[in-house]
Amino acid sequence: MLIVSYDISDDKIRNRFAKMLTKQGAIRLQFSVYEVHNTQRIVENLKTKIEAFAKHFTMSDSVIIFEADMNKLIKYGHAIHRDKPVVYR
């Protein structure tokens, strides 16, 4: 599982980035935080696509990817969460 967090200043690039994450099966947890459950191949493809977006970033933009183990994940609050692995086809 991946957690992708971003801070992108340009509205157009930010919207394209969010749309790309959603098309890759990411689930929005907060405005700029997404959770990704998928196969290793799709996760690697997603990382490649994120790297491609980096050429459009300014010095104030950032993307952080956290790789999480579901057995070690602690969640609080009422955001949308998936507690069981999900397979997207």
C-alpha atoms as a PDB file:
ATOM      1  CA  MET A   1       0.000   0.000   0.000  1.00  0.00           C
ATOM      2  CA  LEU A   2       1.131   3.531  -0.769  1.00  0.00           C
ATOM      3  CA  ILE A   3       0.117   6.841   0.727  1.00  0.00           C
ATOM      4  CA  VAL A   4       0.704   9.709  -1.719  1.00  0.00           C
ATOM      5  CA  SER A   5       0.713  13.242  -0.355  1.00  0.00           C
ATOM      6  CA  TYR A   6       1.253  16.295  -2.540  1.00  0.00           C
ATOM      7  CA  ASP A   7       1.488  20.069  -2.405  1.00  0.00           C
ATOM      8  CA  ILE A   8       1.323  21.506  -5.927  1.00  0.00           C
ATOM      9  CA  SER A   9       0.822  25.249  -6.394  1.00  0.00           C
ATOM     10  CA  ASP A  10      -0.391  25.323 -10.017  1.00  0.00           C
ATOM     11  CA  ASP A  11      -4.146  24.536 -10.183  1.00  0.00           C
ATOM     12  CA  LYS A  12      -3.977  22.933 -13.633  1.00  0.00           C
ATOM     13  CA  ILE A  13      -1.064  20.618 -12.777  1.00  0.00           C
ATOM     14  CA  ARG A  14      -2.573  19.793  -9.363  1.00  0.00           C
ATOM     15  CA  ASN A  15      -5.914  18.843 -10.949  1.00  0.00           C
ATOM     16  CA  ARG A  16      -4.193  16.700 -13.600  1.00  0.00           C
ATOM     17  CA  PHE A  17      -2.119  15.019 -10.898  1.00  0.00           C
ATOM     18  CA  ALA A  18      -5.187  14.225  -8.765  1.00  0.00           C
ATOM     19  CA  LYS A  19      -7.041  12.886 -11.820  1.00  0.00           C
ATOM     20  CA  MET A  20      -4.069  10.676 -12.725  1.00  0.00           C
ATOM     21  CA  LEU A  21      -4.000   9.229  -9.195  1.00  0.00           C
ATOM     22  CA  THR A  22      -7.723   8.489  -9.314  1.00  0.00           C
ATOM     23  CA  LYS A  23      -7.394   6.774 -12.704  1.00  0.00           C
ATOM     24  CA  GLN A  24      -4.692   4.558 -11.186  1.00  0.00           C
ATOM     25  CA  GLY A  25      -7.118   3.386  -8.486  1.00  0.00           C
ATOM     26  CA  ALA A  26      -6.068   5.753  -5.704  1.00  0.00           C
ATOM     27  CA  ILE A  27      -8.653   6.607  -3.071  1.00  0.00           C
ATOM     28  CA  ARG A  28      -8.759  10.175  -1.758  1.00  0.00           C
ATOM     29  CA  LEU A  29      -8.372  10.299   2.022  1.00  0.00           C
ATOM     30  CA  GLN A  30      -7.979  14.067   2.329  1.00  0.00           C
ATOM     31  CA  PHE A  31      -7.669  16.946  -0.145  1.00  0.00           C
ATOM     32  CA  SER A  32      -4.105  16.097  -1.130  1.00  0.00           C
ATOM     33  CA  VAL A  33      -3.619  12.638   0.371  1.00  0.00           C
ATOM     34  CA  TYR A  34      -4.403   9.423  -1.494  1.00  0.00           C
ATOM     35  CA  GLU A  35      -4.230   5.745  -0.578  1.00  0.00           C
ATOM     36  CA  VAL A  36      -3.205   3.213  -3.245  1.00  0.00           C
ATOM     37  CA  HIS A  37      -3.882  -0.528  -2.970  1.00  0.00           C
ATOM     38  CA  ASN A  38      -2.841  -2.378  -6.087  1.00  0.00           C
ATOM     39  CA  THR A  39      -0.446  -4.880  -7.596  1.00  0.00           C
ATOM     40  CA  GLN A  40       3.278  -4.211  -7.437  1.00  0.00           C
ATOM     41  CA  ARG A  41       3.381  -3.664 -11.224  1.00  0.00           C
ATOM     42  CA  ILE A  42       0.687  -0.979 -11.100  1.00  0.00           C
ATOM     43  CA  VAL A  43       2.338   0.665  -8.083  1.00  0.00           C
ATOM     44  CA  GLU A  44       5.649   0.834  -9.991  1.00  0.00           C
ATOM     45  CA  ASN A  45       3.844   2.294 -13.032  1.00  0.00           C
ATOM     46  CA  LEU A  46       2.258   4.899 -10.769  1.00  0.00           C
ATOM     47  CA  LYS A  47       5.666   5.867  -9.353  1.00  0.00           C
ATOM     48  CA  THR A  48       6.940   6.312 -12.935  1.00  0.00           C
ATOM     49  CA  LYS A  49       3.984   8.550 -13.784  1.00  0.00           C
ATOM     50  CA  ILE A  50       4.599  10.627 -10.664  1.00  0.00           C
ATOM     51  CA  GLU A  51       8.240  11.062 -11.692  1.00  0.00           C
ATOM     52  CA  ALA A  52       7.043  12.290 -15.114  1.00  0.00           C
ATOM     53  CA  PHE A  53       4.949  14.991 -13.407  1.00  0.00           C
ATOM     54  CA  ALA A  54       8.020  16.238 -11.534  1.00  0.00           C
ATOM     55  CA  LYS A  55       9.295  18.057 -14.638  1.00  0.00           C
ATOM     56  CA  HIS A  56       6.319  20.438 -14.280  1.00  0.00           C
ATOM     57  CA  PHE A  57       6.970  21.239 -10.619  1.00  0.00           C
ATOM     58  CA  THR A  58       8.247  24.527  -9.288  1.00  0.00           C
ATOM     59  CA  MET A  59      10.570  24.903  -6.302  1.00  0.00           C
ATOM     60  CA  SER A  60       7.551  25.103  -3.979  1.00  0.00           C
ATOM     61  CA  ASP A  61       5.901  21.852  -5.166  1.00  0.00           C
ATOM     62  CA  SER A  62       6.376  18.435  -3.613  1.00  0.00           C
ATOM     63  CA  VAL A  63       5.099  14.870  -3.659  1.00  0.00           C
ATOM     64  CA  ILE A  64       5.814  12.424  -0.855  1.00  0.00           C
ATOM     65  CA  ILE A  65       5.160   8.685  -1.184  1.00  0.00           C
ATOM     66  CA  PHE A  66       4.882   6.567   1.955  1.00  0.00           C
ATOM     67  CA  GLU A  67       5.004   2.785   1.627  1.00  0.00           C
ATOM     68  CA  ALA A  68       2.927   1.301   4.445  1.00  0.00           C
ATOM     69  CA  ASP A  69       2.467  -2.157   5.877  1.00  0.00           C
ATOM     70  CA  MET A  70      -1.256  -2.678   6.553  1.00  0.00           C
ATOM     71  CA  ASN A  71      -0.385  -4.692   9.683  1.00  0.00           C
ATOM     72  CA  LYS A  72       1.515  -1.728  11.156  1.00  0.00           C
ATOM     73  CA  LEU A  73      -0.878   1.027  10.123  1.00  0.00           C
ATOM     74  CA  ILE A  74      -2.685   3.008  12.836  1.00  0.00           C
ATOM     75  CA  LYS A  75      -5.712   5.083  11.826  1.00  0.00           C
ATOM     76  CA  TYR A  76      -7.682   7.681  13.773  1.00  0.00           C
ATOM     77  CA  GLY A  77     -10.666   9.810  12.838  1.00  0.00           C
ATOM     78  CA  HIS A  78     -13.417   9.495  10.281  1.00  0.00           C
ATOM     79  CA  ALA A  79     -11.718   9.841   6.900  1.00  0.00           C
ATOM     80  CA  ILE A  80     -12.521   7.309   4.185  1.00  0.00           C
ATOM     81  CA  HIS A  81     -10.375   4.258   4.914  1.00  0.00           C
ATOM     82  CA  ARG A  82     -10.040   0.814   3.448  1.00  0.00           C
ATOM     83  CA  ASP A  83      -9.105  -1.759   6.071  1.00  0.00           C
ATOM     84  CA  LYS A  84      -8.899  -4.754   3.736  1.00  0.00           C
ATOM     85  CA  PRO A  85      -6.714  -5.103   0.644  1.00  0.00           C
ATOM     86  CA  VAL A  86      -8.501  -4.194  -2.573  1.00  0.00           C
ATOM     87  CA  VAL A  87      -7.662  -5.601  -5.999  1.00  0.00           C
ATOM     88  CA  TYR A  88      -8.356  -3.373  -9.004  1.00  0.00           C
ATOM     89  CA  ARG A  89      -8.610  -4.881 -12.464  1.00  0.00           C
END
